[in-house]
C-alpha atoms as a PDB file:
ATOM      1  CA  MET A   1      -0.028  -0.686   0.233  1.00  0.00           C
ATOM      2  CA  THR A   2       1.511   3.454  -1.096  1.00  0.00           C
ATOM      3  CA  ALA A   3       1.258   6.715   1.221  1.00  0.00           C
ATOM      4  CA  GLU A   4      -1.141   8.219  -1.049  1.00  0.00           C
ATOM      5  CA  ASN A   5      -3.572   5.203  -0.369  1.00  0.00           C
ATOM      6  CA  LEU A   6      -2.759   5.210   3.436  1.00  0.00           C
ATOM      7  CA  SER A   7      -4.012   8.167   3.028  1.00  0.00           C
ATOM      8  CA  LEU A   8      -7.221   8.452   0.932  1.00  0.00           C
ATOM      9  CA  VAL A   9      -8.790   5.860   2.630  1.00  0.00           C
ATOM     10  CA  ALA A  10      -7.918   7.095   6.130  1.00  0.00           C
ATOM     11  CA  GLY A  11      -9.094  10.494   5.166  1.00  0.00           C
ATOM     12  CA  THR A  12     -12.179   8.789   4.022  1.00  0.00           C
ATOM     13  CA  THR A  13     -13.039   5.671   6.496  1.00  0.00           C
ATOM     14  CA  LEU A  14     -12.914   8.330   9.155  1.00  0.00           C
ATOM     15  CA  SER A  15     -15.185  10.219   6.950  1.00  0.00           C
ATOM     16  CA  LEU A  16     -17.944   7.720   6.119  1.00  0.00           C
ATOM     17  CA  VAL A  17     -17.657   6.519  10.379  1.00  0.00           C
ATOM     18  CA  PHE A  18     -18.941   9.705  11.447  1.00  0.00           C
ATOM     19  CA  SER A  19     -21.119   9.723   8.063  1.00  0.00           C
ATOM     20  CA  TYR A  20     -23.183   6.179   8.115  1.00  0.00           C
ATOM     21  CA  VAL A  21     -21.792   4.456  11.571  1.00  0.00           C
ATOM     22  CA  PRO A  22     -25.765   5.194  13.747  1.00  0.00           C
ATOM     23  CA  GLY A  23     -23.853   5.403  17.159  1.00  0.00           C
ATOM     24  CA  ALA A  24     -20.336   7.943  15.819  1.00  0.00           C
ATOM     25  CA  ARG A  25     -22.992   9.753  13.392  1.00  0.00           C
ATOM     26  CA  SER A  26     -25.359  10.553  16.552  1.00  0.00           C
ATOM     27  CA  TRP A  27     -22.448  11.566  18.467  1.00  0.00           C
ATOM     28  CA  PHE A  28     -20.303  13.707  15.943  1.00  0.00           C
ATOM     29  CA  GLU A  29     -23.574  15.763  15.135  1.00  0.00           C
ATOM     30  CA  ARG A  30     -24.260  17.010  18.845  1.00  0.00           C
ATOM     31  CA  PHE A  31     -21.095  19.154  18.235  1.00  0.00           C
ATOM     32  CA  ASP A  32     -20.972  21.795  15.713  1.00  0.00           C
ATOM     33  CA  PRO A  33     -19.288  22.444  12.707  1.00  0.00           C
ATOM     34  CA  GLU A  34     -16.243  23.311  13.121  1.00  0.00           C
ATOM     35  CA  ILE A  35     -15.490  21.529  16.461  1.00  0.00           C
ATOM     36  CA  ARG A  36     -16.426  18.343  13.534  1.00  0.00           C
ATOM     37  CA  ARG A  37     -13.644  20.285  11.182  1.00  0.00           C
ATOM     38  CA  VAL A  38     -10.943  20.094  13.847  1.00  0.00           C
ATOM     39  CA  PHE A  39     -11.695  16.990  14.956  1.00  0.00           C
ATOM     40  CA  MET A  40     -11.099  15.053  12.259  1.00  0.00           C
ATOM     41  CA  LEU A  41      -7.728  17.219  11.672  1.00  0.00           C
ATOM     42  CA  ALA A  42      -6.932  15.700  15.498  1.00  0.00           C
ATOM     43  CA  LEU A  43      -7.644  12.120  14.658  1.00  0.00           C
ATOM     44  CA  LEU A  44      -6.050  12.235  11.061  1.00  0.00           C
ATOM     45  CA  VAL A  45      -2.445  14.445  12.414  1.00  0.00           C
ATOM     46  CA  CYS A  46      -3.163  11.343  15.236  1.00  0.00           C
ATOM     47  CA  SER A  47      -3.432   9.330  12.761  1.00  0.00           C
ATOM     48  CA  ALA A  48       0.080  10.920  10.815  1.00  0.00           C
ATOM     49  CA  GLY A  49       2.173  10.502  13.523  1.00  0.00           C
ATOM     50  CA  ILE A  50       1.164   6.774  14.503  1.00  0.00           C
ATOM     51  CA  VAL A  51       2.044   6.290  10.795  1.00  0.00           C
ATOM     52  CA  TYR A  52       5.776   7.832  10.417  1.00  0.00           C
ATOM     53  CA  GLY A  53       5.726   6.159  14.222  1.00  0.00           C
ATOM     54  CA  LEU A  54       5.081   2.585  12.919  1.00  0.00           C
ATOM     55  CA  SER A  55       7.757   3.529  10.137  1.00  0.00           C
ATOM     56  CA  CYS A  56      10.570   4.697  12.644  1.00  0.00           C
ATOM     57  CA  LEU A  57       9.695   1.513  14.959  1.00  0.00           C
ATOM     58  CA  GLY A  58      10.926  -0.248  11.222  1.00  0.00           C
ATOM     59  CA  TRP A  59       7.253  -1.753  11.879  1.00  0.00           C
ATOM     60  CA  ALA A  60       5.491   0.056   8.657  1.00  0.00           C
ATOM     61  CA  VAL A  61       7.539  -2.434   5.663  1.00  0.00           C
ATOM     62  CA  GLU A  62       5.654  -5.247   7.230  1.00  0.00           C
ATOM     63  CA  TRP A  63       2.110  -3.917   6.282  1.00  0.00           C
ATOM     64  CA  GLY A  64       3.649  -2.559   3.005  1.00  0.00           C
ATOM     65  CA  ILE A  65       4.031   0.744   4.033  1.00  0.00           C
ATOM     66  CA  SER A  66       7.382   2.711   2.608  1.00  0.00           C
ATOM     67  CA  LEU A  67       7.705   5.364   4.281  1.00  0.00           C
ATOM     68  CA  ALA A  68      11.160   6.499   5.696  1.00  0.00           C
ATOM     69  CA  CYS A  69      11.796   7.737   8.965  1.00  0.00           C
ATOM     70  CA  ASP A  70      14.076  10.544   8.596  1.00  0.00           C
ATOM     71  CA  ARG A  71      13.514  14.853   7.545  1.00  0.00           C
ATOM     72  CA  VAL A  72      12.731  13.623   3.522  1.00  0.00           C
ATOM     73  CA  GLY A  73      10.061  11.129   5.305  1.00  0.00           C
ATOM     74  CA  LEU A  74       8.022  13.800   7.391  1.00  0.00           C
ATOM     75  CA  PHE A  75       7.389  16.382   4.721  1.00  0.00           C
ATOM     76  CA  GLY A  76       5.974  13.388   2.578  1.00  0.00           C
ATOM     77  CA  LEU A  77       3.586  12.613   5.451  1.00  0.00           C
ATOM     78  CA  ILE A  78       2.942  15.957   5.661  1.00  0.00           C
ATOM     79  CA  GLU A  79       1.288  16.308   1.915  1.00  0.00           C
ATOM     80  CA  GLN A  80      -0.296  13.111   2.486  1.00  0.00           C
ATOM     81  CA  LEU A  81      -1.462  14.661   5.607  1.00  0.00           C
ATOM     82  CA  ILE A  82      -3.076  17.561   3.216  1.00  0.00           C
ATOM     83  CA  LEU A  83      -4.544  14.850   0.950  1.00  0.00           C
ATOM     84  CA  ALA A  84      -5.965  12.942   3.614  1.00  0.00           C
ATOM     85  CA  ILE A  85      -7.474  15.864   4.699  1.00  0.00           C
ATOM     86  CA  ILE A  86      -8.860  16.686   1.469  1.00  0.00           C
ATOM     87  CA  ALA A  87     -10.901  13.162   0.784  1.00  0.00           C
ATOM     88  CA  ASN A  88     -12.091  13.412   4.384  1.00  0.00           C
ATOM     89  CA  GLN A  89     -12.920  16.906   3.774  1.00  0.00           C
ATOM     90  CA  SER A  90     -14.355  15.797   0.119  1.00  0.00           C
ATOM     91  CA  ILE A  91     -16.546  12.449   1.005  1.00  0.00           C
ATOM     92  CA  TYR A  92     -17.880  14.309   4.525  1.00  0.00           C
ATOM     93  CA  ALA A  93     -19.218  17.573   2.100  1.00  0.00           C
ATOM     94  CA  ILE A  94     -21.139  15.026  -0.397  1.00  0.00           C
ATOM     95  CA  THR A  95     -22.487  12.756   2.344  1.00  0.00           C
ATOM     96  CA  PRO A  96     -26.267  12.739   3.596  1.00  0.00           C
ATOM     97  CA  ARG A  97     -27.175  14.955   6.368  1.00  0.00           C
ATOM     98  CA  LYS A  98     -29.539  14.649   9.588  1.00  0.00           C
ATOM     99  CA  THR A  99     -32.841  15.692   7.592  1.00  0.00           C
ATOM    100  CA  GLN A 100     -36.019  17.062   9.743  1.00  0.00           C
ATOM    101  CA  PRO A 101     -39.186  14.245   8.984  1.00  0.00           C
ATOM    102  CA  ALA A 102     -41.672  15.135   6.266  1.00  0.00           C
ATOM    103  CA  THR A 103     -44.736  17.218   7.508  1.00  0.00           C
ATOM    104  CA  HIS A 104     -47.764  15.796   6.043  1.00  0.00           C
ATOM    105  CA  TYR A 105     -50.709  18.522   5.254  1.00  0.00           C
ATOM    106  CA  THR A 106     -53.752  16.839   4.929  1.00  0.00           C
ATOM    107  CA  LYS A 107     -57.003  18.667   2.978  1.00  0.00           C
ATOM    108  CA  SER A 108     -59.797  20.375   4.969  1.00  0.00           C
END
């Protein structure tokens, strides 16, 4: 798995979980939109940090993630983090939101 694929999958998966998984969706919708964006950003930064940590420990290679534990690798990871953020916010923007129940009008 390339770093690009991993970034896109991580960003998309987080977005879909908080859009469609019932417990996560109801919990997530309680927050203001700004808080939701910051929360998603924090999760993506944490996941990028975990990937970088795995790379530095030498464990990322076992999962097919080729990321060097150096300055070049860190800058590459930041590029991938930006891709993950774009994927996350793009998917979240197009997923359906909770809608008001339809009101039925009867003719009197």
